[in-house]
Amino acid sequence: MMADSETVLRLLKTARGQVDGIIRMVEEDRYCIDISQQLLATTAVLNRTNREVLTAHLKHCVNEAQTPEERAEKIDELTGLLSKLL
């Protein structure tokens, strides 16, 4: 992985902590909107993590492809992934 491992790990650990908190909230039968807000916050952290990974992919893996065919393959991988997100 070409993304900064420290950044990615920090973000993932933040998301993990948020999920643990959400689990406690559900177990404590907390208010639905409060749980939903925490779910949205966790989703935002995971999306930021994914952006970090994909940005690194573009800057390194795609940019450093040796041949036009290899670059096209990397771009196709990325567009395939993006089609799942949108």
N, C-alpha and C. Protein backbone atom coordinates (compact mmCIF):
# COMPACT_ATOMS: atom_id res chain seq x y z
N MET A 1 0.85 -1.18 0.00
CA MET A 1 0.00 0.00 0.00
C MET A 1 0.89 1.23 0.00
N MET A 2 0.58 2.17 -0.85
CA MET A 2 1.40 3.36 -0.99
C MET A 2 0.93 4.51 -0.10
N ALA A 3 -0.27 4.40 0.49
CA ALA A 3 -0.76 5.46 1.37
C ALA A 3 0.07 5.47 2.65
N ASP A 4 0.07 6.60 3.33
CA ASP A 4 0.78 6.73 4.59
C ASP A 4 0.13 5.81 5.63
N SER A 5 0.84 4.78 6.00
CA SER A 5 0.30 3.76 6.91
C SER A 5 -0.12 4.34 8.25
N GLU A 6 0.65 5.27 8.77
CA GLU A 6 0.31 5.87 10.07
C GLU A 6 -1.03 6.59 10.00
N THR A 7 -1.25 7.35 8.94
CA THR A 7 -2.51 8.07 8.78
C THR A 7 -3.67 7.09 8.63
N VAL A 8 -3.49 6.11 7.78
CA VAL A 8 -4.56 5.13 7.54
C VAL A 8 -4.88 4.37 8.82
N LEU A 9 -3.86 3.93 9.54
CA LEU A 9 -4.09 3.20 10.79
C LEU A 9 -4.77 4.08 11.84
N ARG A 10 -4.36 5.34 11.94
CA ARG A 10 -4.99 6.24 12.90
C ARG A 10 -6.47 6.41 12.60
N LEU A 11 -6.79 6.61 11.34
CA LEU A 11 -8.19 6.77 10.95
C LEU A 11 -9.00 5.49 11.20
N LEU A 12 -8.41 4.35 10.87
CA LEU A 12 -9.12 3.09 11.11
C LEU A 12 -9.34 2.82 12.59
N LYS A 13 -8.35 3.16 13.40
CA LYS A 13 -8.52 2.97 14.85
C LYS A 13 -9.56 3.93 15.40
N THR A 14 -9.63 5.13 14.85
CA THR A 14 -10.69 6.07 15.23
C THR A 14 -12.06 5.48 14.90
N ALA A 15 -12.19 4.94 13.70
CA ALA A 15 -13.46 4.33 13.29
C ALA A 15 -13.80 3.15 14.19
N ARG A 16 -12.81 2.34 14.52
CA ARG A 16 -13.04 1.19 15.40
C ARG A 16 -13.55 1.66 16.75
N GLY A 17 -12.96 2.71 17.29
CA GLY A 17 -13.41 3.26 18.56
C GLY A 17 -14.84 3.77 18.47
N GLN A 18 -15.16 4.40 17.35
CA GLN A 18 -16.52 4.89 17.15
C GLN A 18 -17.51 3.73 17.08
N VAL A 19 -17.15 2.66 16.39
CA VAL A 19 -18.03 1.49 16.29
C VAL A 19 -18.25 0.88 17.68
N ASP A 20 -17.18 0.79 18.47
CA ASP A 20 -17.33 0.28 19.83
C ASP A 20 -18.31 1.15 20.63
N GLY A 21 -18.20 2.46 20.45
CA GLY A 21 -19.12 3.38 21.12
C GLY A 21 -20.55 3.20 20.65
N ILE A 22 -20.73 2.97 19.37
CA ILE A 22 -22.08 2.76 18.82
C ILE A 22 -22.67 1.47 19.39
N ILE A 23 -21.86 0.45 19.49
CA ILE A 23 -22.34 -0.82 20.07
C ILE A 23 -22.82 -0.58 21.50
N ARG A 24 -22.05 0.17 22.27
CA ARG A 24 -22.47 0.48 23.65
C ARG A 24 -23.79 1.26 23.65
N MET A 25 -23.90 2.20 22.73
CA MET A 25 -25.13 2.99 22.64
C MET A 25 -26.34 2.10 22.37
N VAL A 26 -26.19 1.15 21.47
CA VAL A 26 -27.29 0.23 21.15
C VAL A 26 -27.60 -0.63 22.37
N GLU A 27 -26.57 -1.13 23.02
CA GLU A 27 -26.77 -1.96 24.21
C GLU A 27 -27.47 -1.18 25.33
N GLU A 28 -27.21 0.12 25.39
CA GLU A 28 -27.82 0.98 26.41
C GLU A 28 -29.17 1.52 25.96
N ASP A 29 -29.61 1.11 24.78
CA ASP A 29 -30.91 1.55 24.24
C ASP A 29 -30.99 3.07 24.14
N ARG A 30 -29.93 3.67 23.59
CA ARG A 30 -29.88 5.13 23.45
C ARG A 30 -30.80 5.59 22.33
N TYR A 31 -31.01 6.88 22.28
CA TYR A 31 -31.90 7.52 21.32
C TYR A 31 -31.43 7.27 19.89
N CYS A 32 -32.37 6.94 19.02
CA CYS A 32 -32.06 6.55 17.63
C CYS A 32 -31.25 7.61 16.89
N ILE A 33 -31.62 8.86 17.04
CA ILE A 33 -30.94 9.94 16.32
C ILE A 33 -29.49 10.06 16.78
N ASP A 34 -29.25 9.87 18.07
CA ASP A 34 -27.87 9.91 18.58
C ASP A 34 -27.04 8.79 17.96
N ILE A 35 -27.62 7.61 17.87
CA ILE A 35 -26.92 6.47 17.25
C ILE A 35 -26.66 6.77 15.78
N SER A 36 -27.65 7.29 15.10
CA SER A 36 -27.50 7.60 13.68
C SER A 36 -26.41 8.64 13.45
N GLN A 37 -26.33 9.64 14.31
CA GLN A 37 -25.28 10.66 14.17
C GLN A 37 -23.90 10.03 14.31
N GLN A 38 -23.76 9.10 15.22
CA GLN A 38 -22.47 8.43 15.39
C GLN A 38 -22.15 7.52 14.20
N LEU A 39 -23.18 6.89 13.64
CA LEU A 39 -22.97 6.09 12.44
C LEU A 39 -22.49 6.96 11.28
N LEU A 40 -23.08 8.14 11.14
CA LEU A 40 -22.66 9.05 10.08
C LEU A 40 -21.22 9.52 10.30
N ALA A 41 -20.86 9.78 11.55
CA ALA A 41 -19.48 10.20 11.85
C ALA A 41 -18.50 9.09 11.50
N THR A 42 -18.86 7.86 11.81
CA THR A 42 -17.99 6.72 11.50
C THR A 42 -17.86 6.54 10.00
N THR A 43 -18.96 6.68 9.30
CA THR A 43 -18.94 6.58 7.84
C THR A 43 -18.02 7.65 7.25
N ALA A 44 -18.06 8.85 7.80
CA ALA A 44 -17.21 9.94 7.31
C ALA A 44 -15.72 9.61 7.51
N VAL A 45 -15.38 9.02 8.65
CA VAL A 45 -13.98 8.65 8.89
C VAL A 45 -13.55 7.56 7.91
N LEU A 46 -14.40 6.57 7.68
CA LEU A 46 -14.07 5.50 6.73
C LEU A 46 -13.94 6.05 5.31
N ASN A 47 -14.80 6.99 4.95
CA ASN A 47 -14.70 7.61 3.62
C ASN A 47 -13.39 8.38 3.48
N ARG A 48 -13.00 9.08 4.54
CA ARG A 48 -11.72 9.81 4.50
C ARG A 48 -10.55 8.84 4.36
N THR A 49 -10.64 7.71 5.05
CA THR A 49 -9.60 6.69 4.95
C THR A 49 -9.50 6.17 3.53
N ASN A 50 -10.64 5.90 2.93
CA ASN A 50 -10.67 5.41 1.55
C ASN A 50 -10.08 6.44 0.60
N ARG A 51 -10.38 7.72 0.83
CA ARG A 51 -9.80 8.78 -0.01
C ARG A 51 -8.28 8.78 0.09
N GLU A 52 -7.76 8.59 1.29
CA GLU A 52 -6.31 8.54 1.48
C GLU A 52 -5.69 7.41 0.65
N VAL A 53 -6.32 6.24 0.73
CA VAL A 53 -5.81 5.07 0.00
C VAL A 53 -5.91 5.28 -1.50
N LEU A 54 -7.04 5.77 -1.97
CA LEU A 54 -7.23 5.95 -3.41
C LEU A 54 -6.35 7.07 -3.96
N THR A 55 -6.15 8.12 -3.19
CA THR A 55 -5.25 9.20 -3.63
C THR A 55 -3.83 8.67 -3.80
N ALA A 56 -3.40 7.88 -2.84
CA ALA A 56 -2.06 7.28 -2.95
C ALA A 56 -1.99 6.36 -4.15
N HIS A 57 -3.05 5.63 -4.42
CA HIS A 57 -3.08 4.74 -5.59
C HIS A 57 -2.89 5.55 -6.87
N LEU A 58 -3.60 6.66 -6.97
CA LEU A 58 -3.47 7.50 -8.16
C LEU A 58 -2.07 8.09 -8.28
N LYS A 59 -1.55 8.60 -7.18
CA LYS A 59 -0.24 9.26 -7.22
C LYS A 59 0.90 8.29 -7.46
N HIS A 60 0.75 7.06 -7.02
CA HIS A 60 1.86 6.12 -7.13
C HIS A 60 1.59 5.02 -8.16
N CYS A 61 0.59 4.20 -7.90
CA CYS A 61 0.38 3.02 -8.75
C CYS A 61 0.03 3.39 -10.19
N VAL A 62 -0.89 4.33 -10.35
CA VAL A 62 -1.29 4.73 -11.71
C VAL A 62 -0.19 5.56 -12.35
N ASN A 63 0.32 6.51 -11.61
CA ASN A 63 1.32 7.42 -12.16
C ASN A 63 2.62 6.70 -12.53
N GLU A 64 2.95 5.65 -11.80
CA GLU A 64 4.21 4.95 -12.04
C GLU A 64 4.07 3.73 -12.95
N ALA A 65 2.89 3.54 -13.53
CA ALA A 65 2.71 2.42 -14.46
C ALA A 65 3.70 2.57 -15.61
N GLN A 66 4.32 1.47 -15.99
CA GLN A 66 5.41 1.50 -16.96
C GLN A 66 4.94 1.62 -18.41
N THR A 67 3.78 1.04 -18.70
CA THR A 67 3.30 1.04 -20.09
C THR A 67 1.90 1.63 -20.15
N PRO A 68 1.50 2.09 -21.33
CA PRO A 68 0.13 2.59 -21.47
C PRO A 68 -0.91 1.51 -21.12
N GLU A 69 -0.61 0.27 -21.42
CA GLU A 69 -1.54 -0.81 -21.10
C GLU A 69 -1.67 -1.00 -19.59
N GLU A 70 -0.54 -0.94 -18.91
CA GLU A 70 -0.55 -1.07 -17.45
C GLU A 70 -1.31 0.11 -16.82
N ARG A 71 -1.08 1.30 -17.34
CA ARG A 71 -1.79 2.48 -16.83
C ARG A 71 -3.29 2.32 -17.07
N ALA A 72 -3.69 1.86 -18.24
CA ALA A 72 -5.10 1.66 -18.54
C ALA A 72 -5.72 0.63 -17.61
N GLU A 73 -4.97 -0.43 -17.30
CA GLU A 73 -5.44 -1.45 -16.38
C GLU A 73 -5.68 -0.86 -14.98
N LYS A 74 -4.76 -0.04 -14.51
CA LYS A 74 -4.90 0.60 -13.19
C LYS A 74 -6.10 1.54 -13.17
N ILE A 75 -6.29 2.27 -14.25
CA ILE A 75 -7.42 3.19 -14.34
C ILE A 75 -8.73 2.40 -14.37
N ASP A 76 -8.76 1.30 -15.12
CA ASP A 76 -9.96 0.45 -15.16
C ASP A 76 -10.30 -0.11 -13.78
N GLU A 77 -9.27 -0.51 -13.02
CA GLU A 77 -9.50 -0.99 -11.65
C GLU A 77 -10.16 0.10 -10.80
N LEU A 78 -9.65 1.32 -10.94
CA LEU A 78 -10.17 2.42 -10.17
C LEU A 78 -11.60 2.78 -10.57
N THR A 79 -11.87 2.83 -11.87
CA THR A 79 -13.22 3.16 -12.31
C THR A 79 -14.21 2.07 -11.93
N GLY A 80 -13.75 0.80 -11.92
CA GLY A 80 -14.61 -0.29 -11.46
C GLY A 80 -14.97 -0.12 -9.99
N LEU A 81 -14.00 0.27 -9.20
CA LEU A 81 -14.25 0.50 -7.78
C LEU A 81 -15.19 1.69 -7.59
N LEU A 82 -14.93 2.76 -8.31
CA LEU A 82 -15.78 3.95 -8.18
C LEU A 82 -17.23 3.67 -8.59
N SER A 83 -17.42 2.78 -9.55
CA SER A 83 -18.79 2.47 -9.96
C SER A 83 -19.57 1.80 -8.83
N LYS A 84 -18.85 1.13 -7.92
CA LYS A 84 -19.52 0.53 -6.76
C LYS A 84 -19.89 1.57 -5.72
N LEU A 85 -19.16 2.67 -5.69
CA LEU A 85 -19.41 3.73 -4.72
C LEU A 85 -20.54 4.65 -5.13
N LEU A 86 -20.71 4.82 -6.41
CA LEU A 86 -21.70 5.80 -6.91
C LEU A 86 -22.99 5.19 -7.33
